[in-house]
């Protein structure tokens, strides 16, 4: 099972991939944007994680978010 985890819209946006229960990749969005404590959707971090894990979005079983998604999206 492949899970893409997202943290965003508060501060320090990040993405991570858990592949069969193991953390495969993780990155903070500010590493790509240069914006300290970047709170935006971590799109560049997610792309990095997918590439590092050698996955595409078609391979992702679940996308998870740390907060109540209906209040943020």
N, C-alpha and C. Protein backbone atom coordinates (compact mmCIF):
# COMPACT_ATOMS: atom_id res chain seq x y z
N UNK A 1 0.85 -1.17 0.00
CA UNK A 1 0.00 0.00 0.00
C UNK A 1 0.90 1.24 0.00
N UNK A 2 0.56 2.20 -0.83
CA UNK A 2 1.32 3.45 -0.95
C UNK A 2 0.47 4.62 -0.49
N UNK A 3 1.01 5.38 0.46
CA UNK A 3 0.28 6.51 1.05
C UNK A 3 1.09 7.78 0.87
N UNK A 4 0.44 8.81 0.36
CA UNK A 4 1.03 10.14 0.26
C UNK A 4 0.44 10.98 1.38
N UNK A 5 1.29 11.47 2.27
CA UNK A 5 0.84 12.31 3.37
C UNK A 5 1.18 13.76 3.10
N UNK A 6 0.25 14.65 3.41
CA UNK A 6 0.44 16.08 3.19
C UNK A 6 0.20 16.86 4.48
N UNK A 7 1.03 17.85 4.70
CA UNK A 7 0.84 18.80 5.78
C UNK A 7 0.95 20.19 5.16
N UNK A 8 -0.09 21.02 5.32
CA UNK A 8 -0.06 22.34 4.68
C UNK A 8 -1.12 23.26 5.26
N UNK A 9 -1.05 24.52 4.83
CA UNK A 9 -2.00 25.58 5.16
C UNK A 9 -1.92 26.04 6.62
N UNK A 10 -0.84 25.71 7.31
CA UNK A 10 -0.61 26.23 8.65
C UNK A 10 0.80 26.81 8.67
N UNK A 11 1.82 26.01 8.69
CA UNK A 11 3.21 26.41 8.48
C UNK A 11 4.02 25.15 8.21
N UNK A 12 5.19 25.33 7.65
CA UNK A 12 6.10 24.21 7.37
C UNK A 12 5.44 23.09 6.57
N UNK A 13 4.89 23.44 5.42
CA UNK A 13 4.25 22.44 4.55
C UNK A 13 5.25 21.35 4.17
N UNK A 14 4.74 20.12 4.07
CA UNK A 14 5.60 19.00 3.76
C UNK A 14 4.79 17.87 3.12
N UNK A 15 5.53 16.94 2.53
CA UNK A 15 4.92 15.74 1.96
C UNK A 15 5.78 14.55 2.36
N UNK A 16 5.14 13.39 2.42
CA UNK A 16 5.86 12.16 2.73
C UNK A 16 5.16 10.99 2.06
N UNK A 17 5.93 9.96 1.79
CA UNK A 17 5.37 8.73 1.21
C UNK A 17 5.72 7.56 2.12
N UNK A 18 4.69 6.79 2.45
CA UNK A 18 4.86 5.55 3.19
C UNK A 18 4.49 4.43 2.23
N UNK A 19 5.45 3.54 2.02
CA UNK A 19 5.29 2.44 1.06
C UNK A 19 5.35 1.13 1.84
N UNK A 20 4.25 0.42 1.87
CA UNK A 20 4.17 -0.85 2.61
C UNK A 20 4.62 -0.70 4.06
N UNK A 21 4.21 0.40 4.70
CA UNK A 21 4.51 0.62 6.10
C UNK A 21 5.85 1.26 6.41
N UNK A 22 6.66 1.51 5.40
CA UNK A 22 7.97 2.12 5.61
C UNK A 22 8.02 3.51 5.00
N UNK A 23 8.58 4.45 5.75
CA UNK A 23 8.77 5.80 5.22
C UNK A 23 9.78 5.73 4.10
N UNK A 24 9.37 6.12 2.90
CA UNK A 24 10.22 6.02 1.72
C UNK A 24 10.81 7.36 1.32
N UNK A 25 10.05 8.44 1.55
CA UNK A 25 10.52 9.77 1.17
C UNK A 25 9.76 10.81 1.98
N UNK A 26 10.44 11.93 2.24
CA UNK A 26 9.80 13.05 2.93
C UNK A 26 10.56 14.32 2.56
N UNK A 27 9.83 15.43 2.46
CA UNK A 27 10.47 16.70 2.12
C UNK A 27 9.60 17.86 2.56
N UNK A 28 10.25 18.95 2.97
CA UNK A 28 9.55 20.19 3.30
C UNK A 28 9.49 21.07 2.06
N UNK A 29 8.37 21.73 1.85
CA UNK A 29 8.18 22.58 0.68
C UNK A 29 9.18 23.74 0.65
N UNK A 30 9.57 24.25 1.80
CA UNK A 30 10.49 25.40 1.82
C UNK A 30 11.84 25.08 1.19
N UNK A 31 12.21 23.81 1.13
CA UNK A 31 13.47 23.42 0.48
C UNK A 31 13.44 23.71 -1.02
N UNK A 32 12.26 23.76 -1.58
CA UNK A 32 12.10 23.99 -3.02
C UNK A 32 11.74 25.43 -3.34
N UNK A 33 10.99 26.08 -2.45
CA UNK A 33 10.54 27.45 -2.72
C UNK A 33 11.45 28.51 -2.13
N UNK A 34 12.21 28.14 -1.11
CA UNK A 34 13.06 29.12 -0.44
C UNK A 34 12.28 30.03 0.51
N UNK A 35 11.00 29.74 0.69
CA UNK A 35 10.16 30.55 1.58
C UNK A 35 10.15 29.89 2.96
N UNK A 36 10.73 30.59 3.94
CA UNK A 36 10.81 30.06 5.29
C UNK A 36 9.41 29.79 5.84
N UNK A 37 9.20 28.61 6.41
CA UNK A 37 7.92 28.18 6.98
C UNK A 37 6.79 28.23 5.96
N UNK A 38 7.09 27.90 4.70
CA UNK A 38 6.10 27.91 3.62
C UNK A 38 4.87 27.08 4.03
N UNK A 39 3.69 27.69 3.91
CA UNK A 39 2.45 27.03 4.34
C UNK A 39 1.59 26.54 3.17
N UNK A 40 2.00 26.81 1.94
CA UNK A 40 1.19 26.44 0.78
C UNK A 40 1.14 24.93 0.57
N UNK A 41 0.31 24.52 -0.38
CA UNK A 41 0.24 23.11 -0.75
C UNK A 41 1.63 22.64 -1.17
N UNK A 42 2.14 21.56 -0.61
CA UNK A 42 3.51 21.13 -0.90
C UNK A 42 3.64 20.37 -2.22
N UNK A 43 3.31 21.03 -3.30
CA UNK A 43 3.30 20.35 -4.61
C UNK A 43 4.70 19.92 -5.04
N UNK A 44 5.69 20.78 -4.85
CA UNK A 44 7.05 20.42 -5.26
C UNK A 44 7.62 19.32 -4.36
N UNK A 45 7.30 19.38 -3.09
CA UNK A 45 7.74 18.33 -2.16
C UNK A 45 7.09 17.00 -2.52
N UNK A 46 5.82 17.03 -2.91
CA UNK A 46 5.11 15.80 -3.29
C UNK A 46 5.72 15.19 -4.54
N UNK A 47 6.03 16.02 -5.53
CA UNK A 47 6.67 15.52 -6.75
C UNK A 47 8.02 14.89 -6.42
N UNK A 48 8.80 15.57 -5.58
CA UNK A 48 10.10 15.03 -5.16
C UNK A 48 9.92 13.66 -4.50
N UNK A 49 8.97 13.56 -3.60
CA UNK A 49 8.74 12.30 -2.89
C UNK A 49 8.32 11.19 -3.85
N UNK A 50 7.44 11.50 -4.78
CA UNK A 50 7.02 10.50 -5.77
C UNK A 50 8.22 10.02 -6.59
N UNK A 51 9.06 10.95 -7.03
CA UNK A 51 10.24 10.57 -7.81
C UNK A 51 11.20 9.73 -6.99
N UNK A 52 11.45 10.15 -5.75
CA UNK A 52 12.38 9.41 -4.89
C UNK A 52 11.87 7.99 -4.60
N UNK A 53 10.56 7.86 -4.44
CA UNK A 53 9.97 6.54 -4.18
C UNK A 53 9.73 5.74 -5.45
N UNK A 54 10.03 6.36 -6.61
CA UNK A 54 9.82 5.71 -7.91
C UNK A 54 8.35 5.31 -8.11
N UNK A 55 7.46 6.27 -7.78
CA UNK A 55 6.02 6.06 -7.92
C UNK A 55 5.41 7.18 -8.74
N UNK A 56 4.21 6.94 -9.24
CA UNK A 56 3.40 8.00 -9.86
C UNK A 56 2.12 8.11 -9.05
N UNK A 57 1.32 9.13 -9.32
CA UNK A 57 0.06 9.28 -8.59
C UNK A 57 -0.87 8.08 -8.82
N UNK A 58 -0.73 7.42 -9.95
CA UNK A 58 -1.53 6.22 -10.22
C UNK A 58 -1.20 5.09 -9.24
N UNK A 59 0.00 5.13 -8.66
CA UNK A 59 0.43 4.10 -7.72
C UNK A 59 -0.02 4.38 -6.28
N UNK A 60 -0.51 5.59 -6.02
CA UNK A 60 -0.89 6.00 -4.67
C UNK A 60 -2.28 5.45 -4.33
N UNK A 61 -2.36 4.75 -3.20
CA UNK A 61 -3.63 4.19 -2.74
C UNK A 61 -4.44 5.20 -1.93
N UNK A 62 -3.76 5.99 -1.11
CA UNK A 62 -4.44 6.98 -0.26
C UNK A 62 -3.62 8.25 -0.20
N UNK A 63 -4.33 9.38 -0.14
CA UNK A 63 -3.71 10.66 0.17
C UNK A 63 -4.30 11.07 1.51
N UNK A 64 -3.42 11.34 2.48
CA UNK A 64 -3.89 11.67 3.83
C UNK A 64 -3.44 13.08 4.21
N UNK A 65 -4.21 13.68 5.11
CA UNK A 65 -4.00 15.05 5.55
C UNK A 65 -4.13 15.07 7.06
N UNK A 66 -3.31 15.83 7.74
CA UNK A 66 -3.26 15.79 9.19
C UNK A 66 -4.44 16.47 9.89
N UNK A 67 -5.22 17.25 9.19
CA UNK A 67 -6.30 18.03 9.79
C UNK A 67 -7.63 17.61 9.16
N UNK A 68 -8.69 18.27 9.49
CA UNK A 68 -9.99 18.01 8.89
C UNK A 68 -9.99 18.61 7.48
N UNK A 69 -9.91 17.78 6.45
CA UNK A 69 -9.76 18.31 5.09
C UNK A 69 -10.89 19.21 4.62
N UNK A 70 -12.11 18.98 5.09
CA UNK A 70 -13.23 19.80 4.62
C UNK A 70 -13.14 21.23 5.12
N UNK A 71 -12.35 21.48 6.15
CA UNK A 71 -12.17 22.85 6.64
C UNK A 71 -11.03 23.56 5.92
N UNK A 72 -10.20 22.82 5.20
CA UNK A 72 -9.03 23.40 4.55
C UNK A 72 -9.13 23.43 3.03
N UNK A 73 -9.86 22.48 2.43
CA UNK A 73 -9.90 22.39 0.97
C UNK A 73 -11.26 22.83 0.46
